[in-house]
């Protein structure tokens, strides 16, 4: 009897008591302060000064392709003349992201960037629609997109 009770409580804890990391990241898409959405991805992030660096922690969701692979996120800081003064990247793990899945990213710039500075985000990946003949000769489509944001 005690064994059945322990088993029942364990099953309840597993099914009701824990949230998955994926669920947490999906929630962050709406709760993090900065947002971006396009036909292929949704992104959200927060920007903080940490130990003399600018750290951009966020999440990315694949909303377009059956899978995305080799995802890179680059962030550049522009000066008042629009020239790049800093740049850093994150090579996202896992190496493969299925449709509607989310993953975390973190980009650390080498100095603290001041408020109001423009950032240019660039993300790159290989997208695959699935199947042996996905319209791209089976090799998928390489894609790169940029957008601007600023440090609040």
C-alpha atoms as a PDB file:
ATOM      1  CA  UNK A   1       0.000   0.000   0.000  1.00  0.00           C
ATOM      2  CA  UNK A   2       2.797   2.431   0.910  1.00  0.00           C
ATOM      3  CA  UNK A   3       4.586   1.591  -2.356  1.00  0.00           C
ATOM      4  CA  UNK A   4       1.477   2.438  -4.400  1.00  0.00           C
ATOM      5  CA  UNK A   5       1.078   5.735  -2.545  1.00  0.00           C
ATOM      6  CA  UNK A   6       4.718   6.672  -3.202  1.00  0.00           C
ATOM      7  CA  UNK A   7       4.318   5.740  -6.875  1.00  0.00           C
ATOM      8  CA  UNK A   8       1.144   7.841  -7.176  1.00  0.00           C
ATOM      9  CA  UNK A   9       2.795  10.850  -5.523  1.00  0.00           C
ATOM     10  CA  UNK A  10       5.839  10.515  -7.785  1.00  0.00           C
ATOM     11  CA  UNK A  11       3.655  10.417 -10.903  1.00  0.00           C
ATOM     12  CA  UNK A  12       1.731  13.498  -9.717  1.00  0.00           C
ATOM     13  CA  UNK A  13       4.949  15.417  -9.049  1.00  0.00           C
ATOM     14  CA  UNK A  14       6.355  14.522 -12.435  1.00  0.00           C
ATOM     15  CA  UNK A  15       3.231  15.403 -14.389  1.00  0.00           C
ATOM     16  CA  UNK A  16       2.054  18.437 -12.401  1.00  0.00           C
ATOM     17  CA  UNK A  17       4.831  19.708 -10.213  1.00  0.00           C
ATOM     18  CA  UNK A  18       7.591  20.545 -12.649  1.00  0.00           C
ATOM     19  CA  UNK A  19       7.741  22.849 -15.629  1.00  0.00           C
ATOM     20  CA  UNK A  20      10.100  22.024 -18.434  1.00  0.00           C
ATOM     21  CA  UNK A  21      12.941  24.268 -19.557  1.00  0.00           C
ATOM     22  CA  UNK A  22      11.150  24.586 -22.908  1.00  0.00           C
ATOM     23  CA  UNK A  23       7.999  25.869 -21.161  1.00  0.00           C
ATOM     24  CA  UNK A  24      10.092  28.426 -19.273  1.00  0.00           C
ATOM     25  CA  UNK A  25      11.691  29.659 -22.488  1.00  0.00           C
ATOM     26  CA  UNK A  26       8.303  29.969 -24.222  1.00  0.00           C
ATOM     27  CA  UNK A  27       7.091  32.090 -21.307  1.00  0.00           C
ATOM     28  CA  UNK A  28      10.183  34.289 -21.661  1.00  0.00           C
ATOM     29  CA  UNK A  29       9.138  35.149 -25.233  1.00  0.00           C
ATOM     30  CA  UNK A  30       6.415  37.334 -23.739  1.00  0.00           C
ATOM     31  CA  UNK A  31       7.996  38.375 -20.430  1.00  0.00           C
ATOM     32  CA  UNK A  32      11.488  39.538 -21.458  1.00  0.00           C
ATOM     33  CA  UNK A  33      11.577  43.299 -22.139  1.00  0.00           C
ATOM     34  CA  UNK A  34      12.908  43.344 -25.743  1.00  0.00           C
ATOM     35  CA  UNK A  35      11.125  41.558 -28.629  1.00  0.00           C
ATOM     36  CA  UNK A  36      11.493  40.770 -32.317  1.00  0.00           C
ATOM     37  CA  UNK A  37       9.283  38.687 -34.608  1.00  0.00           C
ATOM     38  CA  UNK A  38       9.632  37.783 -38.278  1.00  0.00           C
ATOM     39  CA  UNK A  39       8.285  35.085 -40.589  1.00  0.00           C
ATOM     40  CA  UNK A  40      10.880  32.600 -39.355  1.00  0.00           C
ATOM     41  CA  UNK A  41      11.702  33.366 -35.715  1.00  0.00           C
ATOM     42  CA  UNK A  42      10.498  35.033 -32.567  1.00  0.00           C
ATOM     43  CA  UNK A  43      13.095  36.431 -30.206  1.00  0.00           C
ATOM     44  CA  UNK A  44      13.049  38.078 -26.799  1.00  0.00           C
ATOM     45  CA  UNK A  45      15.970  39.280 -24.691  1.00  0.00           C
ATOM     46  CA  UNK A  46      17.174  41.335 -21.768  1.00  0.00           C
ATOM     47  CA  UNK A  47      20.273  43.526 -21.671  1.00  0.00           C
ATOM     48  CA  UNK A  48      22.364  43.898 -18.508  1.00  0.00           C
ATOM     49  CA  UNK A  49      25.725  45.278 -17.481  1.00  0.00           C
ATOM     50  CA  UNK A  50      27.681  42.489 -15.773  1.00  0.00           C
ATOM     51  CA  UNK A  51      31.302  42.763 -14.599  1.00  0.00           C
ATOM     52  CA  UNK A  52      32.202  45.480 -17.124  1.00  0.00           C
ATOM     53  CA  UNK A  53      30.458  43.710 -20.027  1.00  0.00           C
ATOM     54  CA  UNK A  54      27.125  44.104 -21.790  1.00  0.00           C
ATOM     55  CA  UNK A  55      25.302  40.773 -21.618  1.00  0.00           C
ATOM     56  CA  UNK A  56      22.322  40.017 -23.842  1.00  0.00           C
ATOM     57  CA  UNK A  57      20.449  36.924 -22.629  1.00  0.00           C
ATOM     58  CA  UNK A  58      17.456  35.765 -24.601  1.00  0.00           C
ATOM     59  CA  UNK A  59      15.429  33.072 -26.284  1.00  0.00           C
ATOM     60  CA  UNK A  60      14.776  32.255 -29.923  1.00  0.00           C
ATOM     61  CA  UNK A  61      11.835  30.244 -31.287  1.00  0.00           C
ATOM     62  CA  UNK A  62      11.749  28.574 -34.704  1.00  0.00           C
ATOM     63  CA  UNK A  63       8.312  29.422 -36.176  1.00  0.00           C
ATOM     64  CA  UNK A  64       8.936  28.602 -39.844  1.00  0.00           C
ATOM     65  CA  UNK A  65      11.054  25.581 -40.715  1.00  0.00           C
ATOM     66  CA  UNK A  66      10.684  21.901 -39.886  1.00  0.00           C
ATOM     67  CA  UNK A  67      14.209  22.276 -38.505  1.00  0.00           C
ATOM     68  CA  UNK A  68      16.824  24.988 -38.168  1.00  0.00           C
ATOM     69  CA  UNK A  69      20.490  24.098 -37.827  1.00  0.00           C
ATOM     70  CA  UNK A  70      23.764  25.947 -37.291  1.00  0.00           C
ATOM     71  CA  UNK A  71      22.083  28.949 -35.665  1.00  0.00           C
ATOM     72  CA  UNK A  72      24.288  31.967 -34.988  1.00  0.00           C
ATOM     73  CA  UNK A  73      23.302  35.232 -33.334  1.00  0.00           C
ATOM     74  CA  UNK A  74      25.587  38.238 -33.770  1.00  0.00           C
ATOM     75  CA  UNK A  75      25.192  41.584 -32.025  1.00  0.00           C
ATOM     76  CA  UNK A  76      27.068  44.727 -33.066  1.00  0.00           C
ATOM     77  CA  UNK A  77      27.182  48.054 -31.224  1.00  0.00           C
ATOM     78  CA  UNK A  78      27.101  51.147 -33.449  1.00  0.00           C
ATOM     79  CA  UNK A  79      28.620  54.512 -32.606  1.00  0.00           C
ATOM     80  CA  UNK A  80      26.842  57.811 -33.338  1.00  0.00           C
ATOM     81  CA  UNK A  81      28.147  57.742 -36.934  1.00  0.00           C
ATOM     82  CA  UNK A  82      26.740  54.264 -37.487  1.00  0.00           C
ATOM     83  CA  UNK A  83      30.097  52.464 -37.426  1.00  0.00           C
ATOM     84  CA  UNK A  84      30.524  49.148 -35.639  1.00  0.00           C
ATOM     85  CA  UNK A  85      32.568  49.592 -32.462  1.00  0.00           C
ATOM     86  CA  UNK A  86      31.941  46.196 -30.833  1.00  0.00           C
ATOM     87  CA  UNK A  87      30.680  42.839 -31.990  1.00  0.00           C
ATOM     88  CA  UNK A  88      30.127  39.445 -30.395  1.00  0.00           C
ATOM     89  CA  UNK A  89      28.339  36.210 -31.281  1.00  0.00           C
ATOM     90  CA  UNK A  90      26.672  33.133 -29.858  1.00  0.00           C
ATOM     91  CA  UNK A  91      26.636  29.806 -31.679  1.00  0.00           C
ATOM     92  CA  UNK A  92      23.375  28.353 -30.433  1.00  0.00           C
ATOM     93  CA  UNK A  93      23.162  24.882 -28.946  1.00  0.00           C
ATOM     94  CA  UNK A  94      21.340  22.581 -29.655  1.00  0.00           C
ATOM     95  CA  UNK A  95      22.618  22.372 -33.192  1.00  0.00           C
ATOM     96  CA  UNK A  96      19.127  21.455 -34.423  1.00  0.00           C
ATOM     97  CA  UNK A  97      15.923  23.293 -33.487  1.00  0.00           C
ATOM     98  CA  UNK A  98      12.577  21.828 -34.558  1.00  0.00           C
ATOM     99  CA  UNK A  99       9.550  23.966 -35.471  1.00  0.00           C
ATOM    100  CA  UNK A 100       8.000  25.704 -32.429  1.00  0.00           C
ATOM    101  CA  UNK A 101      10.968  24.728 -30.236  1.00  0.00           C
ATOM    102  CA  UNK A 102      12.849  27.395 -28.327  1.00  0.00           C
ATOM    103  CA  UNK A 103      16.462  27.749 -27.317  1.00  0.00           C
ATOM    104  CA  UNK A 104      18.428  30.171 -25.188  1.00  0.00           C
ATOM    105  CA  UNK A 105      21.181  32.460 -26.402  1.00  0.00           C
ATOM    106  CA  UNK A 106      23.685  34.723 -24.700  1.00  0.00           C
ATOM    107  CA  UNK A 107      25.921  37.344 -26.290  1.00  0.00           C
ATOM    108  CA  UNK A 108      28.576  39.088 -24.202  1.00  0.00           C
ATOM    109  CA  UNK A 109      29.980  42.369 -25.511  1.00  0.00           C
ATOM    110  CA  UNK A 110      33.394  43.360 -24.089  1.00  0.00           C
ATOM    111  CA  UNK A 111      32.391  46.706 -22.511  1.00  0.00           C
ATOM    112  CA  UNK A 112      29.320  48.282 -20.960  1.00  0.00           C
ATOM    113  CA  UNK A 113      27.388  49.962 -23.766  1.00  0.00           C
ATOM    114  CA  UNK A 114      25.557  53.139 -22.724  1.00  0.00           C
ATOM    115  CA  UNK A 115      21.782  53.612 -22.806  1.00  0.00           C
ATOM    116  CA  UNK A 116      20.385  54.639 -26.165  1.00  0.00           C
ATOM    117  CA  UNK A 117      23.145  52.970 -28.182  1.00  0.00           C
ATOM    118  CA  UNK A 118      22.006  51.191 -31.335  1.00  0.00           C
ATOM    119  CA  UNK A 119      22.477  47.450 -31.589  1.00  0.00           C
ATOM    120  CA  UNK A 120      22.350  45.470 -34.810  1.00  0.00           C
ATOM    121  CA  UNK A 121      21.259  41.861 -34.352  1.00  0.00           C
ATOM    122  CA  UNK A 122      22.083  39.423 -37.139  1.00  0.00           C
ATOM    123  CA  UNK A 123      20.910  35.835 -37.044  1.00  0.00           C
ATOM    124  CA  UNK A 124      21.969  33.095 -39.429  1.00  0.00           C
ATOM    125  CA  UNK A 125      20.849  29.481 -39.846  1.00  0.00           C
ATOM    126  CA  UNK A 126      20.209  26.647 -42.273  1.00  0.00           C
ATOM    127  CA  UNK A 127      16.471  25.943 -42.591  1.00  0.00           C
ATOM    128  CA  UNK A 128      15.004  22.623 -43.686  1.00  0.00           C
ATOM    129  CA  UNK A 129      11.366  21.928 -44.595  1.00  0.00           C
ATOM    130  CA  UNK A 130      11.754  18.174 -44.137  1.00  0.00           C
ATOM    131  CA  UNK A 131      11.646  15.232 -46.462  1.00  0.00           C
ATOM    132  CA  UNK A 132      14.275  14.254 -48.973  1.00  0.00           C
ATOM    133  CA  UNK A 133      13.316  16.890 -51.529  1.00  0.00           C
ATOM    134  CA  UNK A 134      12.598  20.121 -49.699  1.00  0.00           C
ATOM    135  CA  UNK A 135      12.711  22.381 -52.740  1.00  0.00           C
ATOM    136  CA  UNK A 136      16.336  23.269 -52.082  1.00  0.00           C
ATOM    137  CA  UNK A 137      17.884  20.129 -53.560  1.00  0.00           C
ATOM    138  CA  UNK A 138      17.696  18.384 -50.186  1.00  0.00           C
ATOM    139  CA  UNK A 139      20.259  20.744 -48.695  1.00  0.00           C
ATOM    140  CA  UNK A 140      18.010  23.308 -47.047  1.00  0.00           C
ATOM    141  CA  UNK A 141      18.156  27.076 -47.260  1.00  0.00           C
ATOM    142  CA  UNK A 142      20.793  29.266 -45.699  1.00  0.00           C
ATOM    143  CA  UNK A 143      19.285  32.436 -44.280  1.00  0.00           C
ATOM    144  CA  UNK A 144      20.623  35.588 -42.662  1.00  0.00           C
ATOM    145  CA  UNK A 145      18.557  38.486 -41.326  1.00  0.00           C
ATOM    146  CA  UNK A 146      19.425  41.697 -39.462  1.00  0.00           C
ATOM    147  CA  UNK A 147      17.413  44.164 -37.419  1.00  0.00           C
ATOM    148  CA  UNK A 148      18.140  47.124 -35.175  1.00  0.00           C
ATOM    149  CA  UNK A 149      17.348  47.637 -31.520  1.00  0.00           C
ATOM    150  CA  UNK A 150      18.712  49.933 -28.856  1.00  0.00           C
ATOM    151  CA  UNK A 151      19.780  49.674 -25.266  1.00  0.00           C
ATOM    152  CA  UNK A 152      16.936  51.123 -23.175  1.00  0.00           C
END
